[in-house]
Amino acid sequence: MTHLTAVLAETATHVDLPMPTWAYGAIALAIFAVLGFVIWSYRDVANRHSHKAGPGAADHAAAPGATHHGTGHPTQGH
């Protein structure tokens, strides 16, 4: 053993964790589930408030390359 590894081996101490190791994973899983629910709750927010975007929506609808719902998908030469 080198001098450095001998010093590190003598100074290494065992630290007890405040809770079982599986609890850290459970906490992380719960946090990710809550954050996933928060993100999921924002789905389709723009369509719920379309009355506020009405005046500006006409400008965007006339933009080159704009597509509208109900016109179908562009055909691709198959």
C-alpha atoms as a PDB file:
ATOM      1  CA  MET A   1       0.000   0.000   0.000  1.00  0.00           C
ATOM      2  CA  THR A   2       1.144   3.455  -0.710  1.00  0.00           C
ATOM      3  CA  HIS A   3       1.304   6.095   1.959  1.00  0.00           C
ATOM      4  CA  LEU A   4      -1.831   7.847   0.615  1.00  0.00           C
ATOM      5  CA  THR A   5      -4.003   4.713   0.700  1.00  0.00           C
ATOM      6  CA  ALA A   6      -2.760   3.896   4.196  1.00  0.00           C
ATOM      7  CA  VAL A   7      -3.727   7.379   5.435  1.00  0.00           C
ATOM      8  CA  LEU A   8      -7.138   7.173   3.751  1.00  0.00           C
ATOM      9  CA  ALA A   9      -7.775   3.724   5.237  1.00  0.00           C
ATOM     10  CA  GLU A  10      -7.031   5.010   8.725  1.00  0.00           C
ATOM     11  CA  THR A  11      -9.230   8.104   8.410  1.00  0.00           C
ATOM     12  CA  ALA A  12     -12.233   6.404   6.797  1.00  0.00           C
ATOM     13  CA  THR A  13     -15.184   6.244   9.170  1.00  0.00           C
ATOM     14  CA  HIS A  14     -18.590   4.683   8.809  1.00  0.00           C
ATOM     15  CA  VAL A  15     -21.494   7.130   8.682  1.00  0.00           C
ATOM     16  CA  ASP A  16     -24.994   5.848   9.372  1.00  0.00           C
ATOM     17  CA  LEU A  17     -27.672   7.201   7.049  1.00  0.00           C
ATOM     18  CA  PRO A  18     -30.724   8.812   8.670  1.00  0.00           C
ATOM     19  CA  MET A  19     -33.072   6.435   6.800  1.00  0.00           C
ATOM     20  CA  PRO A  20     -32.895   3.210   4.778  1.00  0.00           C
ATOM     21  CA  THR A  21     -31.394   3.466   1.307  1.00  0.00           C
ATOM     22  CA  TRP A  22     -34.637   2.428  -0.424  1.00  0.00           C
ATOM     23  CA  ALA A  23     -36.343   5.484   1.126  1.00  0.00           C
ATOM     24  CA  TYR A  24     -34.146   7.832  -0.934  1.00  0.00           C
ATOM     25  CA  GLY A  25     -35.382   6.161  -4.113  1.00  0.00           C
ATOM     26  CA  ALA A  26     -38.989   6.317  -2.921  1.00  0.00           C
ATOM     27  CA  ILE A  27     -38.665  10.030  -2.184  1.00  0.00           C
ATOM     28  CA  ALA A  28     -37.137  10.683  -5.619  1.00  0.00           C
ATOM     29  CA  LEU A  29     -39.919   8.666  -7.280  1.00  0.00           C
ATOM     30  CA  ALA A  30     -42.584  10.635  -5.408  1.00  0.00           C
ATOM     31  CA  ILE A  31     -41.006  13.964  -6.382  1.00  0.00           C
ATOM     32  CA  PHE A  32     -40.828  12.955 -10.048  1.00  0.00           C
ATOM     33  CA  ALA A  33     -44.459  11.799  -9.931  1.00  0.00           C
ATOM     34  CA  VAL A  34     -45.579  15.151  -8.501  1.00  0.00           C
ATOM     35  CA  LEU A  35     -43.538  17.060 -11.089  1.00  0.00           C
ATOM     36  CA  GLY A  36     -44.979  14.855 -13.839  1.00  0.00           C
ATOM     37  CA  PHE A  37     -48.502  15.646 -12.646  1.00  0.00           C
ATOM     38  CA  VAL A  38     -47.715  19.371 -12.668  1.00  0.00           C
ATOM     39  CA  ILE A  39     -46.466  19.159 -16.248  1.00  0.00           C
ATOM     40  CA  TRP A  40     -49.467  17.027 -17.256  1.00  0.00           C
ATOM     41  CA  SER A  41     -51.856  19.595 -15.766  1.00  0.00           C
ATOM     42  CA  TYR A  42     -50.622  22.237 -18.233  1.00  0.00           C
ATOM     43  CA  ARG A  43     -51.705  20.236 -21.268  1.00  0.00           C
ATOM     44  CA  ASP A  44     -53.825  22.100 -23.799  1.00  0.00           C
ATOM     45  CA  VAL A  45     -53.691  25.371 -21.847  1.00  0.00           C
ATOM     46  CA  ALA A  46     -53.457  27.442 -25.027  1.00  0.00           C
ATOM     47  CA  ASN A  47     -56.734  26.039 -26.335  1.00  0.00           C
ATOM     48  CA  ARG A  48     -58.513  26.747 -23.063  1.00  0.00           C
ATOM     49  CA  HIS A  49     -57.691  30.422 -23.417  1.00  0.00           C
ATOM     50  CA  SER A  50     -58.186  30.835 -27.147  1.00  0.00           C
ATOM     51  CA  HIS A  51     -60.578  33.773 -26.600  1.00  0.00           C
ATOM     52  CA  LYS A  52     -57.616  35.818 -25.378  1.00  0.00           C
ATOM     53  CA  ALA A  53     -55.525  34.949 -28.430  1.00  0.00           C
ATOM     54  CA  GLY A  54     -58.322  35.508 -30.957  1.00  0.00           C
ATOM     55  CA  PRO A  55     -57.201  38.888 -32.335  1.00  0.00           C
ATOM     56  CA  GLY A  56     -53.587  37.763 -32.858  1.00  0.00           C
ATOM     57  CA  ALA A  57     -54.580  34.336 -34.165  1.00  0.00           C
ATOM     58  CA  ALA A  58     -55.807  35.747 -37.483  1.00  0.00           C
ATOM     59  CA  ASP A  59     -52.372  37.183 -38.210  1.00  0.00           C
ATOM     60  CA  HIS A  60     -50.705  33.837 -37.557  1.00  0.00           C
ATOM     61  CA  ALA A  61     -53.280  31.912 -39.586  1.00  0.00           C
ATOM     62  CA  ALA A  62     -52.476  33.962 -42.679  1.00  0.00           C
ATOM     63  CA  ALA A  63     -48.730  33.385 -42.355  1.00  0.00           C
ATOM     64  CA  PRO A  64     -47.025  31.479 -45.176  1.00  0.00           C
ATOM     65  CA  GLY A  65     -46.920  27.771 -44.481  1.00  0.00           C
ATOM     66  CA  ALA A  66     -49.654  27.886 -41.831  1.00  0.00           C
ATOM     67  CA  THR A  67     -51.892  24.839 -41.668  1.00  0.00           C
ATOM     68  CA  HIS A  68     -55.374  24.682 -40.226  1.00  0.00           C
ATOM     69  CA  HIS A  69     -57.199  21.908 -38.488  1.00  0.00           C
ATOM     70  CA  GLY A  70     -59.718  20.255 -40.718  1.00  0.00           C
ATOM     71  CA  THR A  71     -57.724  20.718 -43.937  1.00  0.00           C
ATOM     72  CA  GLY A  72     -56.084  17.333 -43.524  1.00  0.00           C
ATOM     73  CA  HIS A  73     -52.442  16.494 -43.894  1.00  0.00           C
ATOM     74  CA  PRO A  74     -50.545  17.537 -46.976  1.00  0.00           C
ATOM     75  CA  THR A  75     -50.333  14.749 -49.496  1.00  0.00           C
ATOM     76  CA  GLN A  76     -46.990  13.242 -50.169  1.00  0.00           C
ATOM     77  CA  GLY A  77     -46.561  11.798 -53.647  1.00  0.00           C
ATOM     78  CA  HIS A  78     -47.096   8.097 -52.867  1.00  0.00           C
END
